C-alpha atoms as a PDB file:
ATOM      1  CA  MET A   1       3.553 -14.839 -22.920  1.00  0.00           C
ATOM      2  CA  THR A   2       4.852 -18.233 -21.862  1.00  0.00           C
ATOM      3  CA  GLY A   3       6.936 -18.588 -18.773  1.00  0.00           C
ATOM      4  CA  ALA A   4       4.749 -16.605 -16.377  1.00  0.00           C
ATOM      5  CA  ARG A   5       5.139 -17.616 -12.775  1.00  0.00           C
ATOM      6  CA  ILE A   6       1.902 -17.148 -10.867  1.00  0.00           C
ATOM      7  CA  LEU A   7       2.771 -17.711  -7.241  1.00  0.00           C
ATOM      8  CA  GLY A   8       0.313 -18.153  -4.430  1.00  0.00           C
ATOM      9  CA  GLY A   9      -3.473 -18.337  -4.573  1.00  0.00           C
ATOM     10  CA  MET A  10      -5.231 -16.476  -7.362  1.00  0.00           C
ATOM     11  CA  ASN A  11      -8.314 -15.643  -5.293  1.00  0.00           C
ATOM     12  CA  ALA A  12      -8.579 -11.860  -5.510  1.00  0.00           C
ATOM     13  CA  LEU A  13      -9.832 -11.606  -1.937  1.00  0.00           C
ATOM     14  CA  THR A  14      -7.248 -13.858  -0.302  1.00  0.00           C
ATOM     15  CA  PRO A  15      -3.806 -12.379   0.459  1.00  0.00           C
ATOM     16  CA  SER A  16      -1.036 -14.509  -0.992  1.00  0.00           C
ATOM     17  CA  LYS A  17       1.866 -15.659   1.154  1.00  0.00           C
ATOM     18  CA  THR A  18       4.133 -15.599  -1.885  1.00  0.00           C
ATOM     19  CA  ARG A  19       4.380 -12.839  -4.436  1.00  0.00           C
ATOM     20  CA  LEU A  20       3.018 -12.943  -7.967  1.00  0.00           C
ATOM     21  CA  THR A  21       5.665 -12.483 -10.647  1.00  0.00           C
ATOM     22  CA  THR A  22       5.666 -12.267 -14.440  1.00  0.00           C
ATOM     23  CA  PRO A  23       8.392 -12.411 -17.111  1.00  0.00           C
ATOM     24  CA  PHE A  24       8.433  -8.605 -17.234  1.00  0.00           C
ATOM     25  CA  GLY A  25      10.928  -6.804 -15.011  1.00  0.00           C
ATOM     26  CA  PHE A  26      12.309  -3.324 -14.401  1.00  0.00           C
ATOM     27  CA  SER A  27      13.249  -2.568 -18.004  1.00  0.00           C
ATOM     28  CA  ALA A  28      10.234  -4.077 -19.778  1.00  0.00           C
ATOM     29  CA  THR A  29       8.334  -1.786 -22.143  1.00  0.00           C
ATOM     30  CA  THR A  30       4.689  -1.499 -23.121  1.00  0.00           C
ATOM     31  CA  GLY A  31       5.536  -3.077 -26.480  1.00  0.00           C
ATOM     32  CA  GLU A  32       6.929  -6.176 -24.793  1.00  0.00           C
ATOM     33  CA  VAL A  33       3.999  -6.486 -22.401  1.00  0.00           C
ATOM     34  CA  LEU A  34       1.401  -6.243 -25.184  1.00  0.00           C
ATOM     35  CA  ALA A  35       3.279  -8.215 -27.859  1.00  0.00           C
ATOM     36  CA  GLY A  36       0.855 -10.519 -29.652  1.00  0.00           C
ATOM     37  CA  LEU A  37      -2.234  -9.260 -27.803  1.00  0.00           C
ATOM     38  CA  ASP A  38      -5.329  -8.143 -29.712  1.00  0.00           C
ATOM     39  CA  LEU A  39      -7.472  -5.757 -27.675  1.00  0.00           C
ATOM     40  CA  GLY A  40     -10.013  -5.238 -30.434  1.00  0.00           C
ATOM     41  CA  GLY A  41     -13.541  -4.943 -29.051  1.00  0.00           C
ATOM     42  CA  ARG A  42     -12.338  -3.655 -25.677  1.00  0.00           C
ATOM     43  CA  ARG A  43     -12.696  -0.104 -24.381  1.00  0.00           C
ATOM     44  CA  ALA A  44     -10.281   1.771 -22.149  1.00  0.00           C
ATOM     45  CA  LEU A  45     -10.402   5.065 -20.277  1.00  0.00           C
ATOM     46  CA  VAL A  46      -7.093   6.668 -19.274  1.00  0.00           C
ATOM     47  CA  THR A  47      -7.127   9.812 -17.151  1.00  0.00           C
ATOM     48  CA  GLY A  48      -4.441  12.459 -17.489  1.00  0.00           C
ATOM     49  CA  ALA A  49      -3.474  11.202 -20.919  1.00  0.00           C
ATOM     50  CA  THR A  50      -2.168  14.335 -22.621  1.00  0.00           C
ATOM     51  CA  SER A  51       1.482  13.603 -21.807  1.00  0.00           C
ATOM     52  CA  GLY A  52       3.853  11.364 -19.892  1.00  0.00           C
ATOM     53  CA  LEU A  53       2.694   8.012 -18.574  1.00  0.00           C
ATOM     54  CA  GLY A  54      -0.943   8.612 -19.411  1.00  0.00           C
ATOM     55  CA  ALA A  55      -0.196   9.350 -23.057  1.00  0.00           C
ATOM     56  CA  GLU A  56       2.073   6.316 -23.346  1.00  0.00           C
ATOM     57  CA  THR A  57      -0.482   4.057 -21.658  1.00  0.00           C
ATOM     58  CA  ALA A  58      -3.205   5.258 -24.021  1.00  0.00           C
ATOM     59  CA  ARG A  59      -0.923   4.901 -27.044  1.00  0.00           C
ATOM     60  CA  ALA A  60       0.047   1.353 -26.096  1.00  0.00           C
ATOM     61  CA  LEU A  61      -3.545   0.209 -25.565  1.00  0.00           C
ATOM     62  CA  ALA A  62      -4.667   1.846 -28.812  1.00  0.00           C
ATOM     63  CA  GLY A  63      -1.733   0.249 -30.624  1.00  0.00           C
ATOM     64  CA  ALA A  64      -3.027  -3.152 -29.516  1.00  0.00           C
ATOM     65  CA  GLY A  65      -6.450  -2.374 -30.984  1.00  0.00           C
ATOM     66  CA  ALA A  66      -8.444  -1.075 -28.020  1.00  0.00           C
ATOM     67  CA  GLU A  67     -10.885   1.794 -28.258  1.00  0.00           C
ATOM     68  CA  VAL A  68      -9.390   4.453 -25.983  1.00  0.00           C
ATOM     69  CA  VAL A  69     -10.931   7.515 -24.371  1.00  0.00           C
ATOM     70  CA  LEU A  70      -8.615  10.130 -22.902  1.00  0.00           C
ATOM     71  CA  GLY A  71     -10.010  11.835 -19.804  1.00  0.00           C
ATOM     72  CA  VAL A  72      -8.338  15.255 -19.840  1.00  0.00           C
ATOM     73  CA  ARG A  73      -8.606  18.564 -17.980  1.00  0.00           C
ATOM     74  CA  ASP A  74      -7.427  20.607 -20.990  1.00  0.00           C
ATOM     75  CA  ALA A  75      -9.734  19.846 -23.912  1.00  0.00           C
ATOM     76  CA  ASP A  76      -7.432  21.341 -26.552  1.00  0.00           C
ATOM     77  CA  ALA A  77      -4.426  19.378 -25.298  1.00  0.00           C
ATOM     78  CA  GLY A  78      -6.612  16.289 -25.227  1.00  0.00           C
ATOM     79  CA  ARG A  79      -7.607  16.688 -28.866  1.00  0.00           C
ATOM     80  CA  ARG A  80      -3.959  17.081 -29.859  1.00  0.00           C
ATOM     81  CA  ALA A  81      -2.997  13.991 -27.864  1.00  0.00           C
ATOM     82  CA  ALA A  82      -5.793  11.935 -29.420  1.00  0.00           C
ATOM     83  CA  ASP A  83      -4.774  13.099 -32.910  1.00  0.00           C
ATOM     84  CA  ALA A  84      -1.170  12.069 -32.255  1.00  0.00           C
ATOM     85  CA  ILE A  85      -2.183   8.621 -30.965  1.00  0.00           C
ATOM     86  CA  ARG A  86      -4.492   8.003 -33.921  1.00  0.00           C
ATOM     87  CA  GLU A  87      -1.709   8.968 -36.311  1.00  0.00           C
ATOM     88  CA  SER A  88       0.998   6.886 -34.621  1.00  0.00           C
ATOM     89  CA  THR A  89      -1.106   3.743 -34.155  1.00  0.00           C
ATOM     90  CA  GLY A  90      -3.480   3.855 -37.121  1.00  0.00           C
ATOM     91  CA  ASN A  91      -6.345   3.311 -34.666  1.00  0.00           C
ATOM     92  CA  ALA A  92      -9.197   5.707 -35.412  1.00  0.00           C
ATOM     93  CA  ARG A  93     -11.037   4.813 -32.190  1.00  0.00           C
ATOM     94  CA  VAL A  94      -9.213   7.281 -29.941  1.00  0.00           C
ATOM     95  CA  THR A  95     -11.091  10.278 -28.529  1.00  0.00           C
ATOM     96  CA  ALA A  96     -10.677  12.834 -25.757  1.00  0.00           C
ATOM     97  CA  ASN A  97     -13.338  14.096 -23.352  1.00  0.00           C
ATOM     98  CA  ARG A  98     -12.985  16.804 -20.737  1.00  0.00           C
ATOM     99  CA  LEU A  99     -12.567  15.575 -17.169  1.00  0.00           C
ATOM    100  CA  ASP A 100     -11.416  17.801 -14.301  1.00  0.00           C
ATOM    101  CA  LEU A 101     -10.842  15.522 -11.315  1.00  0.00           C
ATOM    102  CA  ALA A 102     -10.679  18.471  -8.918  1.00  0.00           C
ATOM    103  CA  ASP A 103     -14.249  19.395  -9.884  1.00  0.00           C
ATOM    104  CA  LEU A 104     -16.772  16.779  -8.783  1.00  0.00           C
ATOM    105  CA  GLY A 105     -19.375  18.298 -11.080  1.00  0.00           C
ATOM    106  CA  SER A 106     -17.064  17.653 -14.030  1.00  0.00           C
ATOM    107  CA  VAL A 107     -16.610  14.062 -12.882  1.00  0.00           C
ATOM    108  CA  ARG A 108     -20.372  13.557 -12.641  1.00  0.00           C
ATOM    109  CA  ASP A 109     -20.919  15.035 -16.102  1.00  0.00           C
ATOM    110  CA  PHE A 110     -18.210  12.851 -17.623  1.00  0.00           C
ATOM    111  CA  ALA A 111     -19.619   9.674 -16.083  1.00  0.00           C
ATOM    112  CA  ALA A 112     -23.193  10.595 -17.050  1.00  0.00           C
ATOM    113  CA  GLY A 113     -22.070  10.899 -20.672  1.00  0.00           C
ATOM    114  CA  TRP A 114     -20.437   7.464 -20.752  1.00  0.00           C
ATOM    115  CA  ASP A 115     -22.320   4.920 -22.842  1.00  0.00           C
ATOM    116  CA  GLY A 116     -21.639   1.202 -23.048  1.00  0.00           C
ATOM    117  CA  PRO A 117     -19.191  -1.095 -21.282  1.00  0.00           C
ATOM    118  CA  LEU A 118     -15.785  -0.140 -19.919  1.00  0.00           C
ATOM    119  CA  HIS A 119     -13.166  -2.891 -19.867  1.00  0.00           C
ATOM    120  CA  MET A 120     -10.115  -0.996 -18.615  1.00  0.00           C
ATOM    121  CA  LEU A 121     -10.055   2.063 -16.352  1.00  0.00           C
ATOM    122  CA  VAL A 122      -6.582   3.493 -15.727  1.00  0.00           C
ATOM    123  CA  ASN A 123      -6.672   6.132 -12.979  1.00  0.00           C
ATOM    124  CA  ASN A 124      -3.430   7.821 -14.022  1.00  0.00           C
ATOM    125  CA  ALA A 125      -3.894  11.582 -13.612  1.00  0.00           C
ATOM    126  CA  GLY A 126      -2.231  13.257 -10.673  1.00  0.00           C
ATOM    127  CA  ILE A 127      -0.617  16.268  -9.107  1.00  0.00           C
ATOM    128  CA  MET A 128       2.509  16.180  -6.961  1.00  0.00           C
ATOM    129  CA  ALA A 129       3.680  18.423  -4.134  1.00  0.00           C
ATOM    130  CA  PRO A 130       2.300  21.914  -4.850  1.00  0.00           C
ATOM    131  CA  PRO A 131       4.345  24.108  -2.511  1.00  0.00           C
ATOM    132  CA  GLU A 132       1.402  25.895  -0.876  1.00  0.00           C
ATOM    133  CA  LEU A 133      -1.636  24.328   0.733  1.00  0.00           C
ATOM    134  CA  THR A 134      -4.450  24.532  -1.803  1.00  0.00           C
ATOM    135  CA  ARG A 135      -8.021  23.383  -1.358  1.00  0.00           C
ATOM    136  CA  THR A 136     -10.764  22.756  -3.897  1.00  0.00           C
ATOM    137  CA  PRO A 137     -14.049  24.688  -3.803  1.00  0.00           C
ATOM    138  CA  GLN A 138     -15.414  21.746  -1.795  1.00  0.00           C
ATOM    139  CA  GLY A 139     -12.693  22.322   0.825  1.00  0.00           C
ATOM    140  CA  ARG A 140     -10.536  19.290   0.048  1.00  0.00           C
ATOM    141  CA  GLU A 141      -6.734  19.409  -0.001  1.00  0.00           C
ATOM    142  CA  LEU A 142      -5.825  19.472  -3.696  1.00  0.00           C
ATOM    143  CA  GLN A 143      -3.670  16.341  -3.935  1.00  0.00           C
ATOM    144  CA  PHE A 144      -6.176  14.212  -2.008  1.00  0.00           C
ATOM    145  CA  ALA A 145      -8.947  15.677  -4.169  1.00  0.00           C
ATOM    146  CA  VAL A 146      -7.307  15.033  -7.551  1.00  0.00           C
ATOM    147  CA  ASN A 147      -5.236  11.925  -6.960  1.00  0.00           C
ATOM    148  CA  PHE A 148      -7.788  10.014  -4.903  1.00  0.00           C
ATOM    149  CA  LEU A 149     -11.221  11.553  -4.391  1.00  0.00           C
ATOM    150  CA  GLY A 150     -11.790  12.518  -8.031  1.00  0.00           C
ATOM    151  CA  HIS A 151     -10.754   9.049  -9.147  1.00  0.00           C
ATOM    152  CA  PHE A 152     -12.934   7.474  -6.468  1.00  0.00           C
ATOM    153  CA  ALA A 153     -15.904   9.495  -7.695  1.00  0.00           C
ATOM    154  CA  LEU A 154     -15.157   8.523 -11.289  1.00  0.00           C
ATOM    155  CA  THR A 155     -14.668   4.836 -10.538  1.00  0.00           C
ATOM    156  CA  THR A 156     -17.835   4.482  -8.489  1.00  0.00           C
ATOM    157  CA  ALA A 157     -19.869   6.478 -11.023  1.00  0.00           C
ATOM    158  CA  LEU A 158     -18.692   4.108 -13.772  1.00  0.00           C
ATOM    159  CA  HIS A 159     -19.478   0.946 -11.799  1.00  0.00           C
ATOM    160  CA  ARG A 160     -22.328  -0.041 -14.091  1.00  0.00           C
ATOM    161  CA  ALA A 161     -20.169   0.401 -17.203  1.00  0.00           C
ATOM    162  CA  LEU A 162     -17.397  -1.680 -15.625  1.00  0.00           C
ATOM    163  CA  ALA A 163     -19.853  -4.408 -14.635  1.00  0.00           C
ATOM    164  CA  ARG A 164     -21.239  -4.525 -18.183  1.00  0.00           C
ATOM    165  CA  ALA A 165     -17.769  -5.404 -19.483  1.00  0.00           C
ATOM    166  CA  GLY A 166     -17.957  -8.886 -17.996  1.00  0.00           C
ATOM    167  CA  GLY A 167     -14.420  -8.830 -16.613  1.00  0.00           C
ATOM    168  CA  ALA A 168     -13.240  -5.243 -16.118  1.00  0.00           C
ATOM    169  CA  ARG A 169      -9.976  -4.053 -14.631  1.00  0.00           C
ATOM    170  CA  VAL A 170      -9.240  -0.882 -12.693  1.00  0.00           C
ATOM    171  CA  VAL A 171      -5.647   0.303 -12.340  1.00  0.00           C
ATOM    172  CA  SER A 172      -4.765   2.930  -9.736  1.00  0.00           C
ATOM    173  CA  LEU A 173      -1.454   4.744 -10.171  1.00  0.00           C
ATOM    174  CA  SER A 174       0.313   4.995  -6.830  1.00  0.00           C
ATOM    175  CA  SER A 175       3.926   5.737  -5.862  1.00  0.00           C
ATOM    176  CA  ASN A 176       6.640   4.590  -3.489  1.00  0.00           C
ATOM    177  CA  ALA A 177       5.904   7.889  -1.714  1.00  0.00           C
ATOM    178  CA  HIS A 178       2.990   6.048  -0.096  1.00  0.00           C
ATOM    179  CA  LEU A 179       5.545   4.261   2.116  1.00  0.00           C
ATOM    180  CA  TYR A 180       6.076   7.373   4.206  1.00  0.00           C
ATOM    181  CA  ALA A 181       2.495   8.541   4.674  1.00  0.00           C
ATOM    182  CA  PRO A 182      -0.524   6.573   5.858  1.00  0.00           C
ATOM    183  CA  VAL A 183      -3.909   8.226   5.458  1.00  0.00           C
ATOM    184  CA  VAL A 184      -4.624  10.466   8.461  1.00  0.00           C
ATOM    185  CA  PHE A 185      -8.382  10.064   8.562  1.00  0.00           C
ATOM    186  CA  ASP A 186      -8.953  12.730  11.214  1.00  0.00           C
ATOM    187  CA  ASP A 187      -7.222  15.486   9.236  1.00  0.00           C
ATOM    188  CA  LEU A 188      -7.475  14.743   5.520  1.00  0.00           C
ATOM    189  CA  ASP A 189      -7.325  18.407   4.538  1.00  0.00           C
ATOM    190  CA  PHE A 190      -4.471  19.631   6.773  1.00  0.00           C
ATOM    191  CA  ARG A 191      -6.672  21.823   8.946  1.00  0.00           C
ATOM    192  CA  PHE A 192      -4.714  20.972  12.098  1.00  0.00           C
ATOM    193  CA  ARG A 193      -1.368  19.670  10.821  1.00  0.00           C
ATOM    194  CA  PRO A 194       1.299  21.791   9.132  1.00  0.00           C
ATOM    195  CA  TYR A 195       1.048  21.208   5.403  1.00  0.00           C
ATOM    196  CA  GLN A 196       3.871  19.082   3.993  1.00  0.00           C
ATOM    197  CA  PRO A 197       3.777  18.905   0.165  1.00  0.00           C
ATOM    198  CA  LEU A 198       5.367  15.466  -0.206  1.00  0.00           C
ATOM    199  CA  GLY A 199       3.580  14.114   2.853  1.00  0.00           C
ATOM    200  CA  ALA A 200       0.233  15.088   1.389  1.00  0.00           C
ATOM    201  CA  TYR A 201       1.247  13.504  -1.901  1.00  0.00           C
ATOM    202  CA  GLY A 202       2.182  10.277  -0.116  1.00  0.00           C
ATOM    203  CA  GLU A 203      -1.175  10.155   1.683  1.00  0.00           C
ATOM    204  CA  SER A 204      -3.040  10.512  -1.603  1.00  0.00           C
ATOM    205  CA  LYS A 205      -0.990   7.669  -3.096  1.00  0.00           C
ATOM    206  CA  THR A 206      -1.742   5.435  -0.098  1.00  0.00           C
ATOM    207  CA  ALA A 207      -5.401   6.240  -0.664  1.00  0.00           C
ATOM    208  CA  ASP A 208      -5.080   5.102  -4.284  1.00  0.00           C
ATOM    209  CA  VAL A 209      -3.872   1.682  -3.125  1.00  0.00           C
ATOM    210  CA  LEU A 210      -6.723   1.401  -0.642  1.00  0.00           C
ATOM    211  CA  LEU A 211      -9.175   2.193  -3.461  1.00  0.00           C
ATOM    212  CA  ALA A 212      -7.949  -0.871  -5.346  1.00  0.00           C
ATOM    213  CA  VAL A 213      -8.224  -3.068  -2.251  1.00  0.00           C
ATOM    214  CA  GLU A 214     -11.790  -2.099  -1.420  1.00  0.00           C
ATOM    215  CA  ALA A 215     -13.059  -1.952  -5.020  1.00  0.00           C
ATOM    216  CA  THR A 216     -11.929  -5.549  -5.429  1.00  0.00           C
ATOM    217  CA  ARG A 217     -13.609  -6.652  -2.192  1.00  0.00           C
ATOM    218  CA  ARG A 218     -16.888  -4.990  -3.079  1.00  0.00           C
ATOM    219  CA  TRP A 219     -16.997  -5.626  -6.815  1.00  0.00           C
ATOM    220  CA  ALA A 220     -15.221  -8.910  -7.544  1.00  0.00           C
ATOM    221  CA  GLY A 221     -18.640 -10.554  -7.717  1.00  0.00           C
ATOM    222  CA  ASP A 222     -19.506  -8.135 -10.547  1.00  0.00           C
ATOM    223  CA  GLY A 223     -16.428  -9.225 -12.486  1.00  0.00           C
ATOM    224  CA  ILE A 224     -14.469  -6.063 -11.571  1.00  0.00           C
ATOM    225  CA  LEU A 225     -10.940  -6.331 -10.195  1.00  0.00           C
ATOM    226  CA  ALA A 226      -8.628  -3.482  -9.231  1.00  0.00           C
ATOM    227  CA  ASN A 227      -4.906  -3.246  -8.561  1.00  0.00           C
ATOM    228  CA  ALA A 228      -2.486  -0.451  -7.691  1.00  0.00           C
ATOM    229  CA  VAL A 229       0.899   0.194  -9.251  1.00  0.00           C
ATOM    230  CA  ASN A 230       4.079   2.115  -8.635  1.00  0.00           C
ATOM    231  CA  PRO A 231       5.236   2.853 -12.197  1.00  0.00           C
ATOM    232  CA  GLY A 232       8.725   3.899 -11.110  1.00  0.00           C
ATOM    233  CA  ALA A 233      10.651   7.105 -11.627  1.00  0.00           C
ATOM    234  CA  ILE A 234       9.926   8.780 -14.974  1.00  0.00           C
ATOM    235  CA  ALA A 235      10.634  12.404 -15.854  1.00  0.00           C
ATOM    236  CA  THR A 236       7.216  13.921 -16.632  1.00  0.00           C
ATOM    237  CA  ASN A 237       5.199  17.054 -15.912  1.00  0.00           C
ATOM    238  CA  LEU A 238       4.360  15.498 -12.536  1.00  0.00           C
ATOM    239  CA  GLN A 239       7.602  16.882 -11.102  1.00  0.00           C
ATOM    240  CA  ARG A 240       6.942  20.495 -12.112  1.00  0.00           C
ATOM    241  CA  HIS A 241       6.599  21.545  -8.453  1.00  0.00           C
ATOM    242  CA  THR A 242       9.649  19.632  -7.224  1.00  0.00           C
ATOM    243  CA  GLY A 243      12.330  20.995  -9.534  1.00  0.00           C
ATOM    244  CA  GLY A 244      12.493  17.875 -11.676  1.00  0.00           C
ATOM    245  CA  LEU A 245      13.203  14.214 -11.073  1.00  0.00           C
ATOM    246  CA  ARG A 246      15.606  13.551  -8.175  1.00  0.00           C
ATOM    247  CA  THR A 247      15.895   9.771  -8.515  1.00  0.00           C
ATOM    248  CA  PRO A 248      19.397   8.432  -9.345  1.00  0.00           C
ATOM    249  CA  PRO A 249      19.781   7.940 -13.126  1.00  0.00           C
ATOM    250  CA  GLU A 250      20.209   4.172 -12.859  1.00  0.00           C
ATOM    251  CA  ARG A 251      16.770   3.880 -11.241  1.00  0.00           C
ATOM    252  CA  ARG A 252      14.912   5.957 -13.820  1.00  0.00           C
ATOM    253  CA  LYS A 253      12.679   4.682 -16.597  1.00  0.00           C
ATOM    254  CA  THR A 254      11.458   5.873 -19.963  1.00  0.00           C
ATOM    255  CA  ALA A 255       7.742   6.493 -20.415  1.00  0.00           C
ATOM    256  CA  ALA A 256       7.420   3.178 -22.280  1.00  0.00           C
ATOM    257  CA  GLN A 257       9.060   1.389 -19.361  1.00  0.00           C
ATOM    258  CA  GLY A 258       7.064   3.261 -16.733  1.00  0.00           C
ATOM    259  CA  ALA A 259       3.750   2.480 -18.422  1.00  0.00           C
ATOM    260  CA  ALA A 260       4.618  -1.209 -18.819  1.00  0.00           C
ATOM    261  CA  THR A 261       3.279  -2.355 -15.446  1.00  0.00           C
ATOM    262  CA  PRO A 262       0.066  -0.263 -15.646  1.00  0.00           C
ATOM    263  CA  VAL A 263      -0.572  -1.756 -19.100  1.00  0.00           C
ATOM    264  CA  LEU A 264       0.240  -5.235 -17.775  1.00  0.00           C
ATOM    265  CA  LEU A 265      -2.390  -4.832 -15.069  1.00  0.00           C
ATOM    266  CA  ALA A 266      -4.940  -3.374 -17.463  1.00  0.00           C
ATOM    267  CA  ALA A 267      -4.676  -5.851 -20.310  1.00  0.00           C
ATOM    268  CA  SER A 268      -2.432  -8.875 -19.886  1.00  0.00           C
ATOM    269  CA  PRO A 269      -3.962 -12.347 -19.529  1.00  0.00           C
ATOM    270  CA  LEU A 270      -1.231 -13.068 -16.994  1.00  0.00           C
ATOM    271  CA  LEU A 271      -3.188 -10.975 -14.483  1.00  0.00           C
ATOM    272  CA  GLU A 272      -6.527 -12.678 -15.071  1.00  0.00           C
ATOM    273  CA  GLY A 273      -8.360 -13.054 -11.765  1.00  0.00           C
ATOM    274  CA  VAL A 274      -5.917 -10.926  -9.770  1.00  0.00           C
ATOM    275  CA  GLY A 275      -7.099  -8.001  -7.664  1.00  0.00           C
ATOM    276  CA  GLY A 276      -6.519  -5.997  -4.523  1.00  0.00           C
ATOM    277  CA  ARG A 277      -2.725  -5.970  -4.856  1.00  0.00           C
ATOM    278  CA  TYR A 278       0.155  -3.539  -5.391  1.00  0.00           C
ATOM    279  CA  PHE A 279       2.667  -4.017  -8.197  1.00  0.00           C
ATOM    280  CA  GLU A 280       5.956  -2.505  -9.316  1.00  0.00           C
ATOM    281  CA  HIS A 281       8.454  -3.459 -12.031  1.00  0.00           C
ATOM    282  CA  GLY A 282       6.199  -6.189 -13.433  1.00  0.00           C
ATOM    283  CA  GLU A 283       5.602  -8.056 -10.184  1.00  0.00           C
ATOM    284  CA  GLU A 284       3.703  -7.893  -6.928  1.00  0.00           C
ATOM    285  CA  ALA A 285       5.635  -5.760  -4.466  1.00  0.00           C
ATOM    286  CA  ALA A 286       7.138  -7.117  -1.269  1.00  0.00           C
ATOM    287  CA  LEU A 287       5.214  -6.402   1.923  1.00  0.00           C
ATOM    288  CA  LEU A 288       7.443  -4.401   4.270  1.00  0.00           C
ATOM    289  CA  ASP A 289       7.602  -4.130   8.037  1.00  0.00           C
ATOM    290  CA  GLU A 290       9.389  -0.773   8.009  1.00  0.00           C
ATOM    291  CA  ALA A 291      10.148   2.006   5.552  1.00  0.00           C
ATOM    292  CA  PRO A 292      13.018   1.201   3.158  1.00  0.00           C
ATOM    293  CA  PRO A 293      15.925   3.503   2.308  1.00  0.00           C
ATOM    294  CA  LEU A 294      15.111   6.435   0.034  1.00  0.00           C
ATOM    295  CA  PHE A 295      14.096   5.283  -3.481  1.00  0.00           C
ATOM    296  CA  GLY A 296      13.469   1.763  -2.185  1.00  0.00           C
ATOM    297  CA  GLY A 297      10.507  -0.374  -3.201  1.00  0.00           C
ATOM    298  CA  GLY A 298       7.818  -2.471  -1.565  1.00  0.00           C
ATOM    299  CA  VAL A 299       4.402  -1.802  -0.115  1.00  0.00           C
ATOM    300  CA  ALA A 300       3.388  -0.707   3.372  1.00  0.00           C
ATOM    301  CA  PRO A 301       0.931  -2.877   5.335  1.00  0.00           C
ATOM    302  CA  PHE A 302      -1.285   0.149   6.047  1.00  0.00           C
ATOM    303  CA  ALA A 303      -1.843   0.582   2.295  1.00  0.00           C
ATOM    304  CA  LEU A 304      -3.267  -2.930   1.934  1.00  0.00           C
ATOM    305  CA  ASP A 305      -5.130  -3.068   5.251  1.00  0.00           C
ATOM    306  CA  PRO A 306      -8.772  -4.053   4.595  1.00  0.00           C
ATOM    307  CA  GLY A 307      -9.996  -2.053   7.583  1.00  0.00           C
ATOM    308  CA  ASN A 308      -8.322   1.095   6.300  1.00  0.00           C
ATOM    309  CA  ALA A 309      -9.704   0.400   2.828  1.00  0.00           C
ATOM    310  CA  GLU A 310     -13.283   0.042   4.031  1.00  0.00           C
ATOM    311  CA  ARG A 311     -13.020   3.119   6.229  1.00  0.00           C
ATOM    312  CA  LEU A 312     -11.629   5.228   3.394  1.00  0.00           C
ATOM    313  CA  TRP A 313     -14.366   4.059   1.014  1.00  0.00           C
ATOM    314  CA  ASP A 314     -17.082   5.030   3.498  1.00  0.00           C
ATOM    315  CA  THR A 315     -15.330   8.324   4.217  1.00  0.00           C
ATOM    316  CA  ALA A 316     -15.113   9.125   0.510  1.00  0.00           C
ATOM    317  CA  LEU A 317     -18.787   8.346   0.017  1.00  0.00           C
ATOM    318  CA  ALA A 318     -19.632  10.778   2.821  1.00  0.00           C
ATOM    319  CA  LEU A 319     -17.392  13.463   1.284  1.00  0.00           C
ATOM    320  CA  LEU A 320     -19.137  13.078  -2.062  1.00  0.00           C
END
């Protein structure tokens, strides 16, 4: 872990004028990020962990000795995923519990059943670009409901467990799709705008960044820090509504590479004391003043804006 370059102030509530970097770049894997780390005695919750990035994130954390809970919508698939992780890592402390992020009652039940501290919460589960406008029974647009609001409800309901950890980390999975879609507060559920599948996805991913910003502002004093991450382009079930991954081959990653930055944020000592930021490819993303070319990187100012973050938090509380 030597050679890390921590640039700028480390205060979680003070924006840095220079970006934070680490030795881990585009091609780094979870194995490289966690090499030599012992996560014994620490507990992690990974949502959407039956396949893809979630499964790899859970496997990597379990392989480093953490107790890992998989939050899964499909209980049978969750049990199979937990069995596979236990077998591949030799870590018996891997379990799966049902969690449907589109159902706020399911989220409440899951959180009510949690006992003890929570050191690492990885809000990984998501849905991308369903072709038709779909709303939950509570009337929320489905992507906003699953990708953001369900995770918001889960994160806030687990606040006490995170505070008990004495230094917890929350990781919100975002996407470069956020660059093209700020949160439209006056029409979150597409009741007045024409529904655009990828636009709605981008809004939900912007909301995930804002969750990390505001959670850090409110909870840093409780020892809880949150960051957001663009894991990159990985072929997973996420693209089932889009006809598969469209990113050029040279910009794609394996699951082990895609989960590297989420795992870095969740567990690495290099990120001690860091919160309220957006990362990609092992480093803090560049702040942009306009949208980049397609498949470009960076973070939009509206996704890190503290006023937007506070407004979204209060809006989400009202929706719950």
